[in-house]
């Protein structure tokens, strides 16, 4: 495996890092990867990581649900049942902060579930998905062509851009954020969902926390990281919203990673505890509603 080492923090431009955790890739390779912490601002990142020309190999698994749409196994079956509710909640969230059914871009649309939900609700919606297999499924689900990358949609403007668990996968972080900002209308919103390494389930499971998901997750965002990162690009956080379902799904995977078998009762209890301690802004995953500064 060829590796890339990160030499500069994308949040504060710091150049010194210290080891934070060593985590294992339980989904594909069984290899171990180092999560580093920026000494200046505390941002967490996976480094060394696979080079761009090999990173795609770490997504090639039927267990990688956002790309395969598999319902094999009890956890994936439960994921799909809960997803129907989550899709409805996501759409309501978008419409709350846009108050329109205008144009929407789902960046990293996976197999097209949310994109299709938006189209059925009356949005003029486009999708981007770099993975060929997932894109093929999305085109059938949404019944439209899906873009390969942000470069293909330059010049367009959107009232809403969504990234559901996508930003942590993006190699060129600052470049991508600037492109997203330029694709928004003046009053448009960017809605970004990412795992939260400050959540109670993250602190409990530590290196076995499934949402570290190395090496596919390149970045691990705390609330202050998102605030600082988007401030650099002339944007501010309009709202932070909880994703309570994620604590249960992540805990189910994490118990399996930690013990070798899924402990359903314990996982559901850990998810409940995590949500109980979280309030509205410290759940296992968080949704950030971001707007351009005037």
C-alpha atoms as a PDB file:
ATOM      1  CA  UNK A   1       0.000   0.000   0.000  1.00  0.00           C
ATOM      2  CA  UNK A   2       1.292   3.435  -0.928  1.00  0.00           C
ATOM      3  CA  UNK A   3       0.622   6.018   1.774  1.00  0.00           C
ATOM      4  CA  UNK A   4       0.053   9.732   2.092  1.00  0.00           C
ATOM      5  CA  UNK A   5       1.156  11.586   5.220  1.00  0.00           C
ATOM      6  CA  UNK A   6      -0.614  14.804   6.196  1.00  0.00           C
ATOM      7  CA  UNK A   7       1.909  17.549   6.976  1.00  0.00           C
ATOM      8  CA  UNK A   8      -0.454  20.495   7.526  1.00  0.00           C
ATOM      9  CA  UNK A   9      -3.687  20.766   9.476  1.00  0.00           C
ATOM     10  CA  UNK A  10      -6.538  21.863   7.161  1.00  0.00           C
ATOM     11  CA  UNK A  11      -8.224  23.767  10.004  1.00  0.00           C
ATOM     12  CA  UNK A  12      -5.410  25.868  11.525  1.00  0.00           C
ATOM     13  CA  UNK A  13      -2.453  25.126   9.192  1.00  0.00           C
ATOM     14  CA  UNK A  14      -0.472  23.674  12.098  1.00  0.00           C
ATOM     15  CA  UNK A  15       2.386  21.347  11.203  1.00  0.00           C
ATOM     16  CA  UNK A  16       2.919  19.360  14.399  1.00  0.00           C
ATOM     17  CA  UNK A  17       0.881  16.280  15.309  1.00  0.00           C
ATOM     18  CA  UNK A  18       0.786  13.726  18.101  1.00  0.00           C
ATOM     19  CA  UNK A  19      -0.609  10.163  18.094  1.00  0.00           C
ATOM     20  CA  UNK A  20      -4.234   9.963  19.270  1.00  0.00           C
ATOM     21  CA  UNK A  21      -5.513   6.442  18.560  1.00  0.00           C
ATOM     22  CA  UNK A  22      -4.657   3.403  16.476  1.00  0.00           C
ATOM     23  CA  UNK A  23      -7.827   2.006  14.893  1.00  0.00           C
ATOM     24  CA  UNK A  24      -8.442  -1.067  12.786  1.00  0.00           C
ATOM     25  CA  UNK A  25     -10.287  -1.260   9.472  1.00  0.00           C
ATOM     26  CA  UNK A  26     -12.905  -3.871  10.352  1.00  0.00           C
ATOM     27  CA  UNK A  27     -14.833  -3.504   7.082  1.00  0.00           C
ATOM     28  CA  UNK A  28     -12.337  -4.344   4.339  1.00  0.00           C
ATOM     29  CA  UNK A  29      -8.621  -4.747   4.976  1.00  0.00           C
ATOM     30  CA  UNK A  30      -8.146  -5.538   8.698  1.00  0.00           C
ATOM     31  CA  UNK A  31      -5.194  -3.139   8.573  1.00  0.00           C
ATOM     32  CA  UNK A  32      -4.503  -0.665  11.394  1.00  0.00           C
ATOM     33  CA  UNK A  33      -4.328   3.106  10.893  1.00  0.00           C
ATOM     34  CA  UNK A  34      -3.110   5.955  13.052  1.00  0.00           C
ATOM     35  CA  UNK A  35      -5.342   8.883  13.990  1.00  0.00           C
ATOM     36  CA  UNK A  36      -3.222  11.953  14.683  1.00  0.00           C
ATOM     37  CA  UNK A  37      -4.125  15.067  16.679  1.00  0.00           C
ATOM     38  CA  UNK A  38      -3.042  18.557  15.645  1.00  0.00           C
ATOM     39  CA  UNK A  39      -0.979  19.986  18.514  1.00  0.00           C
ATOM     40  CA  UNK A  40      -2.173  23.516  17.762  1.00  0.00           C
ATOM     41  CA  UNK A  41      -5.971  23.107  17.509  1.00  0.00           C
ATOM     42  CA  UNK A  42      -6.737  19.469  18.416  1.00  0.00           C
ATOM     43  CA  UNK A  43      -8.175  18.471  15.020  1.00  0.00           C
ATOM     44  CA  UNK A  44      -8.141  14.692  14.478  1.00  0.00           C
ATOM     45  CA  UNK A  45      -7.085  13.172  11.154  1.00  0.00           C
ATOM     46  CA  UNK A  46      -6.113   9.808   9.731  1.00  0.00           C
ATOM     47  CA  UNK A  47      -2.414   9.877   8.823  1.00  0.00           C
ATOM     48  CA  UNK A  48      -0.692   8.071   7.195  1.00  0.00           C
ATOM     49  CA  UNK A  49      -3.558   7.107   4.895  1.00  0.00           C
ATOM     50  CA  UNK A  50      -3.841   5.253   1.585  1.00  0.00           C
ATOM     51  CA  UNK A  51      -2.852   7.307  -1.431  1.00  0.00           C
ATOM     52  CA  UNK A  52      -5.624   8.593  -3.668  1.00  0.00           C
ATOM     53  CA  UNK A  53      -4.987   5.913  -6.285  1.00  0.00           C
ATOM     54  CA  UNK A  54      -5.511   3.115  -3.725  1.00  0.00           C
ATOM     55  CA  UNK A  55      -8.128   4.660  -1.403  1.00  0.00           C
ATOM     56  CA  UNK A  56     -11.000   3.357  -3.548  1.00  0.00           C
ATOM     57  CA  UNK A  57      -9.978  -0.228  -2.746  1.00  0.00           C
ATOM     58  CA  UNK A  58     -11.059   0.338   0.863  1.00  0.00           C
ATOM     59  CA  UNK A  59     -14.679   0.879  -0.191  1.00  0.00           C
ATOM     60  CA  UNK A  60     -14.968  -2.479  -1.962  1.00  0.00           C
ATOM     61  CA  UNK A  61     -17.125  -4.468   0.422  1.00  0.00           C
ATOM     62  CA  UNK A  62     -20.747  -5.594   0.434  1.00  0.00           C
ATOM     63  CA  UNK A  63     -20.779  -4.495   4.076  1.00  0.00           C
ATOM     64  CA  UNK A  64     -20.173  -0.878   3.049  1.00  0.00           C
ATOM     65  CA  UNK A  65     -23.859  -0.092   3.099  1.00  0.00           C
ATOM     66  CA  UNK A  66     -23.933   3.395   1.564  1.00  0.00           C
ATOM     67  CA  UNK A  67     -22.391   2.004  -1.629  1.00  0.00           C
ATOM     68  CA  UNK A  68     -23.932  -1.452  -1.854  1.00  0.00           C
ATOM     69  CA  UNK A  69     -27.479  -0.891  -0.489  1.00  0.00           C
ATOM     70  CA  UNK A  70     -27.274  -4.375   0.998  1.00  0.00           C
ATOM     71  CA  UNK A  71     -29.941  -5.599   3.426  1.00  0.00           C
ATOM     72  CA  UNK A  72     -28.006  -8.752   4.275  1.00  0.00           C
ATOM     73  CA  UNK A  73     -27.711  -9.307   8.023  1.00  0.00           C
ATOM     74  CA  UNK A  74     -29.814  -8.025  10.902  1.00  0.00           C
ATOM     75  CA  UNK A  75     -27.887  -4.762  11.347  1.00  0.00           C
ATOM     76  CA  UNK A  76     -28.242  -3.789   7.676  1.00  0.00           C
ATOM     77  CA  UNK A  77     -31.904  -4.829   7.683  1.00  0.00           C
ATOM     78  CA  UNK A  78     -32.526  -2.604  10.729  1.00  0.00           C
ATOM     79  CA  UNK A  79     -30.573   0.217   9.067  1.00  0.00           C
ATOM     80  CA  UNK A  80     -32.957   0.188   6.104  1.00  0.00           C
ATOM     81  CA  UNK A  81     -36.039   0.190   8.340  1.00  0.00           C
ATOM     82  CA  UNK A  82     -34.781   3.204  10.289  1.00  0.00           C
ATOM     83  CA  UNK A  83     -33.598   4.924   7.097  1.00  0.00           C
ATOM     84  CA  UNK A  84     -37.176   5.463   5.942  1.00  0.00           C
ATOM     85  CA  UNK A  85     -37.819   7.589   9.017  1.00  0.00           C
ATOM     86  CA  UNK A  86     -34.435   9.310   8.730  1.00  0.00           C
ATOM     87  CA  UNK A  87     -35.056  10.281   5.083  1.00  0.00           C
ATOM     88  CA  UNK A  88     -38.319  11.955   6.051  1.00  0.00           C
ATOM     89  CA  UNK A  89     -36.594  13.808   8.898  1.00  0.00           C
ATOM     90  CA  UNK A  90     -33.766  14.963   6.622  1.00  0.00           C
ATOM     91  CA  UNK A  91     -36.192  16.330   4.047  1.00  0.00           C
ATOM     92  CA  UNK A  92     -38.130  18.195   6.737  1.00  0.00           C
ATOM     93  CA  UNK A  93     -34.868  19.661   8.039  1.00  0.00           C
ATOM     94  CA  UNK A  94     -33.841  20.906   4.593  1.00  0.00           C
ATOM     95  CA  UNK A  95     -37.239  22.498   4.014  1.00  0.00           C
ATOM     96  CA  UNK A  96     -37.201  24.117   7.456  1.00  0.00           C
ATOM     97  CA  UNK A  97     -33.997  26.008   6.705  1.00  0.00           C
ATOM     98  CA  UNK A  98     -34.683  26.804   3.060  1.00  0.00           C
ATOM     99  CA  UNK A  99     -38.450  27.345   3.222  1.00  0.00           C
ATOM    100  CA  UNK A 100     -38.600  26.412  -0.434  1.00  0.00           C
ATOM    101  CA  UNK A 101     -38.732  23.500  -2.845  1.00  0.00           C
ATOM    102  CA  UNK A 102     -36.154  24.892  -5.226  1.00  0.00           C
ATOM    103  CA  UNK A 103     -32.836  23.460  -6.365  1.00  0.00           C
ATOM    104  CA  UNK A 104     -30.854  20.945  -4.358  1.00  0.00           C
ATOM    105  CA  UNK A 105     -27.552  19.122  -4.790  1.00  0.00           C
ATOM    106  CA  UNK A 106     -26.918  15.925  -2.830  1.00  0.00           C
ATOM    107  CA  UNK A 107     -23.127  15.655  -2.867  1.00  0.00           C
ATOM    108  CA  UNK A 108     -22.127  12.053  -2.233  1.00  0.00           C
ATOM    109  CA  UNK A 109     -25.602  10.720  -2.871  1.00  0.00           C
ATOM    110  CA  UNK A 110     -24.554   7.056  -2.521  1.00  0.00           C
ATOM    111  CA  UNK A 111     -27.278   4.802  -3.891  1.00  0.00           C
ATOM    112  CA  UNK A 112     -29.706   7.711  -4.284  1.00  0.00           C
ATOM    113  CA  UNK A 113     -32.196   7.248  -1.443  1.00  0.00           C
ATOM    114  CA  UNK A 114     -32.246  10.882  -0.275  1.00  0.00           C
ATOM    115  CA  UNK A 115     -31.964  12.234  -3.812  1.00  0.00           C
ATOM    116  CA  UNK A 116     -35.027  10.238  -4.845  1.00  0.00           C
ATOM    117  CA  UNK A 117     -36.895  11.433  -1.735  1.00  0.00           C
ATOM    118  CA  UNK A 118     -36.228  15.070  -2.699  1.00  0.00           C
ATOM    119  CA  UNK A 119     -37.285  14.587  -6.318  1.00  0.00           C
ATOM    120  CA  UNK A 120     -40.535  12.943  -5.227  1.00  0.00           C
ATOM    121  CA  UNK A 121     -41.167  15.897  -2.903  1.00  0.00           C
ATOM    122  CA  UNK A 122     -40.903  18.367  -5.777  1.00  0.00           C
ATOM    123  CA  UNK A 123     -37.288  19.528  -5.606  1.00  0.00           C
ATOM    124  CA  UNK A 124     -35.167  20.109  -8.706  1.00  0.00           C
ATOM    125  CA  UNK A 125     -32.454  17.839  -7.366  1.00  0.00           C
ATOM    126  CA  UNK A 126     -29.078  16.724  -8.689  1.00  0.00           C
ATOM    127  CA  UNK A 127     -26.705  14.154  -7.243  1.00  0.00           C
ATOM    128  CA  UNK A 128     -22.958  13.552  -7.201  1.00  0.00           C
ATOM    129  CA  UNK A 129     -21.451  10.124  -6.548  1.00  0.00           C
ATOM    130  CA  UNK A 130     -17.846   9.186  -7.446  1.00  0.00           C
ATOM    131  CA  UNK A 131     -18.255   5.437  -6.799  1.00  0.00           C
ATOM    132  CA  UNK A 132     -19.295   3.755 -10.052  1.00  0.00           C
ATOM    133  CA  UNK A 133     -21.330   0.940  -8.475  1.00  0.00           C
ATOM    134  CA  UNK A 134     -23.241   3.242  -6.131  1.00  0.00           C
ATOM    135  CA  UNK A 135     -23.792   5.751  -8.940  1.00  0.00           C
ATOM    136  CA  UNK A 136     -25.300   3.056 -11.147  1.00  0.00           C
ATOM    137  CA  UNK A 137     -27.810   2.167  -8.421  1.00  0.00           C
ATOM    138  CA  UNK A 138     -28.572   5.847  -7.779  1.00  0.00           C
ATOM    139  CA  UNK A 139     -29.336   6.496 -11.438  1.00  0.00           C
ATOM    140  CA  UNK A 140     -31.899   3.715 -11.411  1.00  0.00           C
ATOM    141  CA  UNK A 141     -33.429   4.843  -8.112  1.00  0.00           C
ATOM    142  CA  UNK A 142     -33.591   8.542  -8.986  1.00  0.00           C
ATOM    143  CA  UNK A 143     -34.194   7.950 -12.709  1.00  0.00           C
ATOM    144  CA  UNK A 144     -31.682  10.575 -13.787  1.00  0.00           C
ATOM    145  CA  UNK A 145     -27.997  10.942 -14.570  1.00  0.00           C
ATOM    146  CA  UNK A 146     -25.715  11.410 -11.578  1.00  0.00           C
ATOM    147  CA  UNK A 147     -22.640  13.639 -11.713  1.00  0.00           C
ATOM    148  CA  UNK A 148     -19.221  12.145 -11.053  1.00  0.00           C
ATOM    149  CA  UNK A 149     -17.706  15.136  -9.202  1.00  0.00           C
ATOM    150  CA  UNK A 150     -18.212  18.762  -8.201  1.00  0.00           C
ATOM    151  CA  UNK A 151     -16.260  19.843 -11.282  1.00  0.00           C
ATOM    152  CA  UNK A 152     -19.173  18.741 -13.471  1.00  0.00           C
ATOM    153  CA  UNK A 153     -21.635  21.162 -11.830  1.00  0.00           C
ATOM    154  CA  UNK A 154     -19.585  24.359 -11.925  1.00  0.00           C
ATOM    155  CA  UNK A 155     -21.650  27.393 -12.893  1.00  0.00           C
ATOM    156  CA  UNK A 156     -24.867  26.103 -11.328  1.00  0.00           C
ATOM    157  CA  UNK A 157     -26.466  27.489  -8.160  1.00  0.00           C
ATOM    158  CA  UNK A 158     -28.411  25.606  -5.508  1.00  0.00           C
ATOM    159  CA  UNK A 159     -30.744  26.638  -2.696  1.00  0.00           C
ATOM    160  CA  UNK A 160     -29.532  23.669  -0.678  1.00  0.00           C
ATOM    161  CA  UNK A 161     -26.506  21.400  -0.818  1.00  0.00           C
ATOM    162  CA  UNK A 162     -26.507  18.303   1.373  1.00  0.00           C
ATOM    163  CA  UNK A 163     -23.620  16.070   2.433  1.00  0.00           C
ATOM    164  CA  UNK A 164     -24.834  13.182   4.574  1.00  0.00           C
ATOM    165  CA  UNK A 165     -21.705  11.612   6.075  1.00  0.00           C
ATOM    166  CA  UNK A 166     -19.552  12.689   3.151  1.00  0.00           C
ATOM    167  CA  UNK A 167     -17.244  15.493   4.327  1.00  0.00           C
ATOM    168  CA  UNK A 168     -15.159  13.065   6.401  1.00  0.00           C
ATOM    169  CA  UNK A 169     -14.330  11.185   3.160  1.00  0.00           C
ATOM    170  CA  UNK A 170     -13.170  14.208   1.122  1.00  0.00           C
ATOM    171  CA  UNK A 171      -9.376  14.307   0.565  1.00  0.00           C
ATOM    172  CA  UNK A 172      -9.103  17.944  -0.615  1.00  0.00           C
ATOM    173  CA  UNK A 173     -11.049  19.485   2.252  1.00  0.00           C
ATOM    174  CA  UNK A 174     -10.562  23.246   1.837  1.00  0.00           C
ATOM    175  CA  UNK A 175     -10.779  23.131  -1.946  1.00  0.00           C
ATOM    176  CA  UNK A 176     -14.064  21.230  -1.739  1.00  0.00           C
ATOM    177  CA  UNK A 177     -15.582  23.635   0.797  1.00  0.00           C
ATOM    178  CA  UNK A 178     -14.765  26.616  -1.421  1.00  0.00           C
ATOM    179  CA  UNK A 179     -16.417  24.914  -4.395  1.00  0.00           C
ATOM    180  CA  UNK A 180     -19.510  24.149  -2.334  1.00  0.00           C
ATOM    181  CA  UNK A 181     -19.746  27.744  -1.140  1.00  0.00           C
ATOM    182  CA  UNK A 182     -19.589  29.002  -4.726  1.00  0.00           C
ATOM    183  CA  UNK A 183     -22.424  26.663  -5.746  1.00  0.00           C
ATOM    184  CA  UNK A 184     -24.815  28.102  -3.157  1.00  0.00           C
ATOM    185  CA  UNK A 185     -27.313  30.843  -3.902  1.00  0.00           C
ATOM    186  CA  UNK A 186     -26.909  33.932  -1.696  1.00  0.00           C
ATOM    187  CA  UNK A 187     -29.458  32.639   0.816  1.00  0.00           C
ATOM    188  CA  UNK A 188     -28.682  28.971   0.215  1.00  0.00           C
ATOM    189  CA  UNK A 189     -27.695  26.552   2.966  1.00  0.00           C
ATOM    190  CA  UNK A 190     -25.125  23.789   3.126  1.00  0.00           C
ATOM    191  CA  UNK A 191     -26.226  20.893   5.325  1.00  0.00           C
ATOM    192  CA  UNK A 192     -23.394  18.673   6.525  1.00  0.00           C
ATOM    193  CA  UNK A 193     -23.726  15.544   8.684  1.00  0.00           C
ATOM    194  CA  UNK A 194     -20.567  14.069  10.225  1.00  0.00           C
ATOM    195  CA  UNK A 195     -19.701  11.695  13.097  1.00  0.00           C
ATOM    196  CA  UNK A 196     -18.988  13.361  16.420  1.00  0.00           C
ATOM    197  CA  UNK A 197     -15.826  12.103  18.217  1.00  0.00           C
ATOM    198  CA  UNK A 198     -16.897  14.013  21.349  1.00  0.00           C
ATOM    199  CA  UNK A 199     -20.073  11.925  21.764  1.00  0.00           C
ATOM    200  CA  UNK A 200     -20.470   9.587  24.719  1.00  0.00           C
ATOM    201  CA  UNK A 201     -20.375   6.468  22.514  1.00  0.00           C
ATOM    202  CA  UNK A 202     -17.111   7.648  20.927  1.00  0.00           C
ATOM    203  CA  UNK A 203     -15.553   8.185  24.351  1.00  0.00           C
ATOM    204  CA  UNK A 204     -16.827   4.793  25.553  1.00  0.00           C
ATOM    205  CA  UNK A 205     -15.741   2.630  22.596  1.00  0.00           C
ATOM    206  CA  UNK A 206     -12.490   4.541  21.904  1.00  0.00           C
ATOM    207  CA  UNK A 207     -10.466   2.732  19.181  1.00  0.00           C
ATOM    208  CA  UNK A 208     -13.406   0.380  18.548  1.00  0.00           C
ATOM    209  CA  UNK A 209     -15.834   3.229  17.799  1.00  0.00           C
ATOM    210  CA  UNK A 210     -17.213   2.285  14.382  1.00  0.00           C
ATOM    211  CA  UNK A 211     -17.571   5.886  13.221  1.00  0.00           C
ATOM    212  CA  UNK A 212     -13.807   6.363  13.097  1.00  0.00           C
ATOM    213  CA  UNK A 213     -14.107   3.987  10.100  1.00  0.00           C
ATOM    214  CA  UNK A 214     -10.456   4.237   9.064  1.00  0.00           C
ATOM    215  CA  UNK A 215      -9.136   4.679   6.457  1.00  0.00           C
ATOM    216  CA  UNK A 216     -12.333   5.771   4.673  1.00  0.00           C
ATOM    217  CA  UNK A 217     -12.868   8.543   7.211  1.00  0.00           C
ATOM    218  CA  UNK A 218      -9.945  10.870   6.660  1.00  0.00           C
ATOM    219  CA  UNK A 219     -11.071  13.582   9.108  1.00  0.00           C
ATOM    220  CA  UNK A 220     -12.799  13.440  12.503  1.00  0.00           C
ATOM    221  CA  UNK A 221     -14.657  16.672  13.247  1.00  0.00           C
ATOM    222  CA  UNK A 222     -15.416  18.176  16.637  1.00  0.00           C
ATOM    223  CA  UNK A 223     -17.879  21.081  16.749  1.00  0.00           C
ATOM    224  CA  UNK A 224     -15.125  23.669  17.001  1.00  0.00           C
ATOM    225  CA  UNK A 225     -13.398  22.147  13.954  1.00  0.00           C
ATOM    226  CA  UNK A 226     -16.465  22.634  11.767  1.00  0.00           C
ATOM    227  CA  UNK A 227     -16.884  26.189  13.058  1.00  0.00           C
ATOM    228  CA  UNK A 228     -13.242  27.078  12.422  1.00  0.00           C
ATOM    229  CA  UNK A 229     -13.033  25.357   9.068  1.00  0.00           C
ATOM    230  CA  UNK A 230     -16.060  27.077   7.563  1.00  0.00           C
ATOM    231  CA  UNK A 231     -15.154  30.443   9.095  1.00  0.00           C
ATOM    232  CA  UNK A 232     -12.023  30.343   6.922  1.00  0.00           C
ATOM    233  CA  UNK A 233     -14.322  30.255   3.894  1.00  0.00           C
ATOM    234  CA  UNK A 234     -16.621  33.082   4.942  1.00  0.00           C
ATOM    235  CA  UNK A 235     -19.371  30.857   6.311  1.00  0.00           C
ATOM    236  CA  UNK A 236     -21.012  30.467   9.695  1.00  0.00           C
ATOM    237  CA  UNK A 237     -22.996  27.799  11.536  1.00  0.00           C
ATOM    238  CA  UNK A 238     -26.709  28.592  11.519  1.00  0.00           C
ATOM    239  CA  UNK A 239     -27.791  25.536  13.536  1.00  0.00           C
ATOM    240  CA  UNK A 240     -26.550  22.228  14.934  1.00  0.00           C
ATOM    241  CA  UNK A 241     -29.060  19.370  14.917  1.00  0.00           C
ATOM    242  CA  UNK A 242     -28.919  15.897  16.490  1.00  0.00           C
ATOM    243  CA  UNK A 243     -28.917  12.510  14.753  1.00  0.00           C
ATOM    244  CA  UNK A 244     -30.096  10.228  17.591  1.00  0.00           C
ATOM    245  CA  UNK A 245     -30.545   7.083  15.469  1.00  0.00           C
ATOM    246  CA  UNK A 246     -26.829   6.953  14.700  1.00  0.00           C
ATOM    247  CA  UNK A 247     -25.862   6.129  18.293  1.00  0.00           C
ATOM    248  CA  UNK A 248     -27.706   2.793  18.090  1.00  0.00           C
ATOM    249  CA  UNK A 249     -26.346   1.772  14.682  1.00  0.00           C
ATOM    250  CA  UNK A 250     -22.784   2.802  15.578  1.00  0.00           C
ATOM    251  CA  UNK A 251     -22.995   1.027  18.948  1.00  0.00           C
ATOM    252  CA  UNK A 252     -24.181  -2.174  17.257  1.00  0.00           C
ATOM    253  CA  UNK A 253     -21.129  -2.151  15.007  1.00  0.00           C
ATOM    254  CA  UNK A 254     -18.799  -1.045  17.800  1.00  0.00           C
ATOM    255  CA  UNK A 255     -19.734  -3.902  20.128  1.00  0.00           C
ATOM    256  CA  UNK A 256     -18.958  -6.325  17.302  1.00  0.00           C
ATOM    257  CA  UNK A 257     -15.594  -4.662  16.668  1.00  0.00           C
ATOM    258  CA  UNK A 258     -14.754  -4.713  20.374  1.00  0.00           C
ATOM    259  CA  UNK A 259     -15.857  -8.258  21.282  1.00  0.00           C
ATOM    260  CA  UNK A 260     -16.046 -10.131  17.986  1.00  0.00           C
ATOM    261  CA  UNK A 261     -19.826 -10.492  18.125  1.00  0.00           C
ATOM    262  CA  UNK A 262     -22.766  -8.125  18.047  1.00  0.00           C
ATOM    263  CA  UNK A 263     -24.180  -7.595  21.538  1.00  0.00           C
ATOM    264  CA  UNK A 264     -27.635  -6.287  20.720  1.00  0.00           C
ATOM    265  CA  UNK A 265     -28.914  -5.496  24.214  1.00  0.00           C
ATOM    266  CA  UNK A 266     -25.668  -3.848  25.299  1.00  0.00           C
ATOM    267  CA  UNK A 267     -25.447  -1.860  22.058  1.00  0.00           C
ATOM    268  CA  UNK A 268     -28.988  -0.533  22.365  1.00  0.00           C
ATOM    269  CA  UNK A 269     -28.318   0.382  25.991  1.00  0.00           C
ATOM    270  CA  UNK A 270     -25.088   2.196  25.038  1.00  0.00           C
ATOM    271  CA  UNK A 271     -26.945   4.055  22.310  1.00  0.00           C
ATOM    272  CA  UNK A 272     -29.619   5.079  24.807  1.00  0.00           C
ATOM    273  CA  UNK A 273     -27.013   6.269  27.327  1.00  0.00           C
ATOM    274  CA  UNK A 274     -25.156   8.225  24.654  1.00  0.00           C
ATOM    275  CA  UNK A 275     -28.313   9.996  23.517  1.00  0.00           C
ATOM    276  CA  UNK A 276     -29.381  10.633  27.099  1.00  0.00           C
ATOM    277  CA  UNK A 277     -26.097  12.398  27.815  1.00  0.00           C
ATOM    278  CA  UNK A 278     -25.976  14.201  24.478  1.00  0.00           C
ATOM    279  CA  UNK A 279     -28.682  16.817  24.670  1.00  0.00           C
ATOM    280  CA  UNK A 280     -29.265  18.279  21.218  1.00  0.00           C
ATOM    281  CA  UNK A 281     -25.681  19.045  20.236  1.00  0.00           C
ATOM    282  CA  UNK A 282     -23.529  16.074  21.236  1.00  0.00           C
ATOM    283  CA  UNK A 283     -25.114  12.985  19.649  1.00  0.00           C
ATOM    284  CA  UNK A 284     -23.074  10.293  17.890  1.00  0.00           C
ATOM    285  CA  UNK A 285     -23.442  12.252  14.641  1.00  0.00           C
ATOM    286  CA  UNK A 286     -24.370  15.903  14.176  1.00  0.00           C
ATOM    287  CA  UNK A 287     -25.940  17.883  11.371  1.00  0.00           C
ATOM    288  CA  UNK A 288     -24.544  21.374  10.723  1.00  0.00           C
ATOM    289  CA  UNK A 289     -26.637  23.937   8.855  1.00  0.00           C
ATOM    290  CA  UNK A 290     -24.151  26.347   7.289  1.00  0.00           C
ATOM    291  CA  UNK A 291     -24.744  29.646   5.509  1.00  0.00           C
ATOM    292  CA  UNK A 292     -22.587  32.157   3.687  1.00  0.00           C
ATOM    293  CA  UNK A 293     -21.817  35.319   5.618  1.00  0.00           C
ATOM    294  CA  UNK A 294     -23.372  38.480   4.098  1.00  0.00           C
END
